[in-house]
Amino acid sequence: MPEPWTESYLSRIGYDGSREPSLETLRALQERHLLTVPFENLDIHWKRPIVVDGKRFLEKVVRQRRGGFCYELNGAFALLLRSLGFSVTMLSARVHSAAGGFGPPFDHMALLIRFGEQSRWLTDVGFGESHLQPLNLDARLEQHDPAGVFRIVPGEEFQMQSRHDGEWVPQFAFTLAPHELSEYAPMCDVQQFSPESHFTKGRVCTIATESGRVTLAETRLIITRDGERTEIPVAAEEWDEVLLETFVIRAPRA
């Protein structure tokens, strides 16, 4: 039986399709989510603590029409999928760094969706720029997606990789061990409070579009449309206005 807030959530992401817990529904839900709910770390810079709590995630995403980072976005999406009858497992993932290697466990939350015993899919609405549709966990060939080409490589840990300029680049490593939402709380605190966290080093708000992506970073607005990239400088005093105009998110008053 769907939760009372389910229809509000579906309306938030502009979804009016089938509620049947099928792969086709999952694909449509993930894509709609990524096209309507931004990945952003604004509360960290507005000094608003992020508490790992499902009700708070729903309040932020659905009623406040905000975005968030992985724990918030995939945490809320997991609640929506479960309300619709999907089999959902929260996964612990370790994000690959530009310097090489992977971060600690619970560095990222991803979701595993099962359809029976033989069909397993990785879904993710909280990684920023990534695949728009679920990835088949058991497919060993490259998987073509509207946002690019991806693959999942098995091993002691699975790796989700994307192809850039002909090279396979790791995005994150993960296991299939199931986890509860509360287990992500310690790393959520690290991500939002540690000076070493990349989330504390600069503001970002980004969302996929039908033709590419729009990203507001500290000093620029980046628009990618049909493969063409445009960067527009954004002065510090313009930031809040650009945020409101581009993402309909109003910065709090000082």
Protein backbone atom coordinates (compact mmCIF):
# COMPACT_ATOMS: atom_id res chain seq x y z
CA MET A 1 0.00 0.00 0.00
CA PRO A 2 1.60 3.32 -1.03
CA GLU A 3 2.45 5.80 1.70
CA PRO A 4 0.28 8.96 2.00
CA TRP A 5 3.07 11.15 0.60
CA THR A 6 3.66 9.01 -2.51
CA GLU A 7 1.44 11.02 -4.85
CA SER A 8 3.09 14.28 -3.72
CA TYR A 9 6.52 12.79 -4.45
CA LEU A 10 5.44 11.60 -7.91
CA SER A 11 3.98 15.04 -8.62
CA ARG A 12 7.26 16.63 -7.47
CA ILE A 13 9.19 14.73 -10.14
CA GLY A 14 6.48 15.15 -12.78
CA TYR A 15 5.72 11.45 -13.06
CA ASP A 16 2.25 10.28 -14.09
CA GLY A 17 3.03 6.85 -15.52
CA SER A 18 2.51 3.30 -14.30
CA ARG A 19 2.90 2.51 -10.59
CA GLU A 20 3.65 -1.15 -11.35
CA PRO A 21 7.01 -2.12 -9.76
CA SER A 22 8.61 -3.07 -13.09
CA LEU A 23 11.90 -2.32 -14.80
CA GLU A 24 10.11 0.04 -17.19
CA THR A 25 8.67 2.00 -14.24
CA LEU A 26 12.07 2.11 -12.53
CA ARG A 27 13.70 3.51 -15.67
CA ALA A 28 11.07 6.22 -15.98
CA LEU A 29 11.22 7.13 -12.28
CA GLN A 30 15.01 7.43 -12.20
CA GLU A 31 15.11 9.60 -15.30
CA ARG A 32 12.31 11.88 -14.07
CA HIS A 33 14.05 12.22 -10.70
CA LEU A 34 17.34 13.22 -12.26
CA LEU A 35 15.64 15.74 -14.55
CA THR A 36 13.74 17.46 -11.72
CA VAL A 37 15.69 17.11 -8.45
CA PRO A 38 19.16 18.72 -8.37
CA PHE A 39 22.29 17.34 -6.78
CA GLU A 40 23.43 20.10 -4.41
CA ASN A 41 25.40 20.71 -1.21
CA LEU A 42 23.94 24.11 -0.32
CA ASP A 43 22.83 23.33 3.23
CA ILE A 44 26.43 22.56 4.13
CA HIS A 45 27.42 26.11 3.18
CA TRP A 46 24.30 27.60 4.72
CA LYS A 47 25.28 25.95 8.04
CA ARG A 48 22.15 23.80 8.12
CA PRO A 49 23.04 20.35 9.50
CA ILE A 50 21.96 17.39 7.38
CA VAL A 51 20.45 14.70 9.60
CA VAL A 52 20.16 11.15 8.27
CA ASP A 53 16.41 10.74 8.64
CA GLY A 54 13.95 9.63 5.98
CA LYS A 55 11.20 12.06 7.02
CA ARG A 56 13.61 14.99 6.77
CA PHE A 57 14.72 13.85 3.32
CA LEU A 58 11.11 13.70 2.11
CA GLU A 59 10.39 17.12 3.59
CA LYS A 60 13.36 18.64 1.79
CA VAL A 61 12.91 16.98 -1.60
CA VAL A 62 9.12 16.90 -1.82
CA ARG A 63 7.70 19.83 0.14
CA GLN A 64 10.63 22.27 -0.03
CA ARG A 65 11.36 21.21 -3.66
CA ARG A 66 15.07 21.12 -2.93
CA GLY A 67 17.81 18.69 -3.89
CA GLY A 68 20.61 17.26 -1.80
CA PHE A 69 23.56 14.91 -1.93
CA CYS A 70 23.65 11.12 -2.12
CA TYR A 71 22.31 10.15 1.32
CA GLU A 72 19.38 12.53 0.97
CA LEU A 73 18.53 11.83 -2.67
CA ASN A 74 18.98 8.07 -2.72
CA GLY A 75 17.54 7.85 0.79
CA ALA A 76 14.35 9.60 -0.35
CA PHE A 77 14.23 7.66 -3.65
CA ALA A 78 14.51 4.36 -1.74
CA LEU A 79 11.46 5.35 0.31
CA LEU A 80 9.51 6.18 -2.85
CA LEU A 81 10.45 2.90 -4.54
CA ARG A 82 9.55 0.84 -1.48
CA SER A 83 6.22 2.64 -1.22
CA LEU A 84 5.50 1.54 -4.80
CA GLY A 85 6.38 -2.07 -4.05
CA PHE A 86 9.98 -2.34 -5.33
CA SER A 87 12.57 -4.55 -3.62
CA VAL A 88 15.25 -2.03 -2.57
CA THR A 89 18.66 -2.60 -0.94
CA MET A 90 20.81 0.30 0.21
CA LEU A 91 24.46 -0.25 -0.77
CA SER A 92 27.69 1.16 0.63
CA ALA A 93 29.97 2.55 -2.08
CA ARG A 94 33.51 3.98 -2.10
CA VAL A 95 34.02 6.85 -4.53
CA HIS A 96 37.08 6.89 -6.79
CA SER A 97 39.27 9.96 -6.35
CA ALA A 98 41.14 11.91 -9.00
CA ALA A 99 44.36 11.07 -7.16
CA GLY A 100 43.62 7.35 -7.53
CA GLY A 101 42.15 4.84 -5.13
CA PHE A 102 38.77 4.73 -3.47
CA GLY A 103 37.31 6.45 -0.42
CA PRO A 104 36.06 4.75 2.75
CA PRO A 105 32.92 2.62 3.08
CA PHE A 106 29.64 4.59 3.11
CA ASP A 107 31.37 7.31 1.08
CA HIS A 108 28.36 7.07 -1.23
CA MET A 109 24.93 5.44 -1.15
CA ALA A 110 23.67 3.56 -4.19
CA LEU A 111 20.59 1.35 -4.53
CA LEU A 112 20.09 -2.21 -5.74
CA ILE A 113 16.69 -3.17 -7.15
CA ARG A 114 15.74 -6.82 -7.61
CA PHE A 115 13.07 -8.24 -9.90
CA GLY A 116 12.83 -11.89 -8.90
CA GLU A 117 15.98 -13.96 -8.43
CA GLN A 118 17.73 -13.30 -11.73
CA SER A 119 17.28 -9.59 -12.43
CA ARG A 120 19.39 -7.08 -10.46
CA TRP A 121 19.75 -3.39 -11.28
CA LEU A 122 21.88 -0.55 -9.90
CA THR A 123 19.92 2.68 -9.58
CA ASP A 124 21.30 6.01 -8.41
CA VAL A 125 19.86 9.53 -8.28
CA GLY A 126 22.55 10.93 -5.99
CA PHE A 127 25.89 10.86 -7.82
CA GLY A 128 25.60 14.06 -9.80
CA GLU A 129 26.63 13.57 -13.43
CA SER A 130 26.11 9.87 -14.10
CA HIS A 131 23.77 7.37 -15.78
CA LEU A 132 20.18 8.48 -16.31
CA GLN A 133 18.78 4.95 -16.29
CA PRO A 134 19.40 1.88 -14.11
CA LEU A 135 22.37 -0.33 -14.96
CA ASN A 136 22.10 -4.11 -15.23
CA LEU A 137 24.30 -5.48 -12.44
CA ASP A 138 24.86 -8.78 -14.23
CA ALA A 139 25.61 -7.48 -17.73
CA ARG A 140 29.33 -7.77 -18.46
CA LEU A 141 29.25 -5.70 -21.65
CA GLU A 142 29.17 -1.92 -21.90
CA GLN A 143 25.77 -0.38 -21.31
CA HIS A 144 24.65 2.56 -23.42
CA ASP A 145 22.71 5.26 -21.59
CA PRO A 146 21.41 8.70 -22.64
CA ALA A 147 24.20 10.20 -20.51
CA GLY A 148 27.05 8.05 -21.87
CA VAL A 149 28.50 4.55 -21.80
CA PHE A 150 28.88 2.61 -18.56
CA ARG A 151 29.78 -0.84 -17.31
CA ILE A 152 29.84 -2.80 -14.06
CA VAL A 153 32.95 -4.86 -13.39
CA PRO A 154 32.71 -7.70 -10.83
CA GLY A 155 35.41 -8.62 -8.31
CA GLU A 156 35.87 -8.57 -4.56
CA GLU A 157 33.96 -5.34 -4.98
CA PHE A 158 31.91 -4.39 -8.00
CA GLN A 159 33.06 -1.27 -9.86
CA MET A 160 30.80 1.12 -11.71
CA GLN A 161 32.81 2.67 -14.54
CA SER A 162 32.12 5.21 -17.27
CA ARG A 163 33.89 5.62 -20.60
CA HIS A 164 35.60 8.94 -21.34
CA ASP A 165 37.66 9.53 -24.50
CA GLY A 166 37.91 5.79 -25.06
CA GLU A 167 39.15 5.04 -21.52
CA TRP A 168 37.24 3.32 -18.73
CA VAL A 169 37.23 5.48 -15.60
CA PRO A 170 36.13 4.05 -12.23
CA GLN A 171 33.33 6.00 -10.54
CA PHE A 172 32.85 3.97 -7.38
CA ALA A 173 33.28 0.49 -5.90
CA PHE A 174 30.56 -1.26 -3.94
CA THR A 175 29.45 -4.52 -2.36
CA LEU A 176 25.99 -6.06 -2.26
CA ALA A 177 25.76 -6.19 1.53
CA PRO A 178 22.44 -4.64 2.65
CA HIS A 179 22.50 -1.61 4.95
CA GLU A 180 20.08 0.48 6.97
CA LEU A 181 19.81 4.25 6.57
CA SER A 182 21.24 4.92 10.05
CA GLU A 183 24.55 3.29 9.06
CA TYR A 184 25.31 6.21 6.73
CA ALA A 185 25.10 8.83 9.51
CA PRO A 186 28.80 8.86 10.54
CA MET A 187 30.03 9.39 6.96
CA CYS A 188 27.30 11.96 6.33
CA ASP A 189 28.79 13.95 9.21
CA VAL A 190 32.29 13.60 7.76
CA GLN A 191 31.09 14.76 4.35
CA GLN A 192 29.35 17.87 5.69
CA PHE A 193 31.74 18.94 8.46
CA SER A 194 35.28 17.81 7.62
CA PRO A 195 37.54 20.44 6.01
CA GLU A 196 38.95 17.57 3.92
CA SER A 197 35.58 16.83 2.37
CA HIS A 198 35.14 18.16 -1.16
CA PHE A 199 31.57 19.08 -0.18
CA THR A 200 32.84 21.68 2.30
CA LYS A 201 35.26 23.25 -0.19
CA GLY A 202 32.75 24.82 -2.56
CA ARG A 203 29.09 25.19 -3.42
CA VAL A 204 27.53 23.28 -6.30
CA CYS A 205 24.04 22.79 -7.69
CA THR A 206 23.65 20.65 -10.81
CA ILE A 207 20.83 18.96 -12.70
CA ALA A 208 20.43 16.89 -15.84
CA THR A 209 18.39 18.34 -18.71
CA GLU A 210 16.82 16.77 -21.78
CA SER A 211 19.79 17.99 -23.84
CA GLY A 212 22.64 17.90 -21.31
CA ARG A 213 23.23 19.46 -17.90
CA VAL A 214 23.25 22.76 -16.03
CA THR A 215 25.72 23.31 -13.16
CA LEU A 216 26.22 26.31 -10.90
CA ALA A 217 29.64 26.12 -9.24
CA GLU A 218 31.41 28.75 -7.13
CA THR A 219 32.50 31.05 -9.94
CA ARG A 220 30.66 29.92 -13.06
CA LEU A 221 27.45 28.63 -14.58
CA ILE A 222 28.16 25.69 -16.88
CA ILE A 223 25.60 24.77 -19.53
CA THR A 224 26.04 21.67 -21.68
CA ARG A 225 23.57 21.35 -24.54
CA ASP A 226 23.82 18.64 -27.21
CA GLY A 227 27.51 18.22 -26.47
CA GLU A 228 28.33 21.94 -26.61
CA ARG A 229 29.66 23.40 -23.34
CA THR A 230 29.26 27.06 -22.35
CA GLU A 231 30.73 28.65 -19.21
CA ILE A 232 29.37 31.93 -17.88
CA PRO A 233 31.30 33.72 -15.10
CA VAL A 234 29.28 34.31 -11.93
CA ALA A 235 30.42 36.95 -9.45
CA ALA A 236 29.99 36.32 -5.73
CA GLU A 237 27.24 38.93 -5.45
CA GLU A 238 25.33 37.34 -8.36
CA TRP A 239 25.34 33.78 -7.00
CA ASP A 240 22.06 33.81 -5.10
CA GLU A 241 20.21 35.43 -8.00
CA VAL A 242 21.56 32.89 -10.51
CA LEU A 243 20.64 30.05 -8.12
CA LEU A 244 17.06 31.33 -7.90
CA GLU A 245 16.69 31.94 -11.64
CA THR A 246 18.26 28.66 -12.71
CA PHE A 247 17.12 26.19 -10.03
CA VAL A 248 14.24 28.03 -8.29
CA ILE A 249 16.10 27.69 -4.97
CA ARG A 250 16.09 30.73 -2.73
CA ALA A 251 19.14 31.29 -0.54
CA PRO A 252 18.32 32.05 3.12
CA ARG A 253 18.70 35.62 4.27
CA ALA A 254 21.83 36.35 6.24
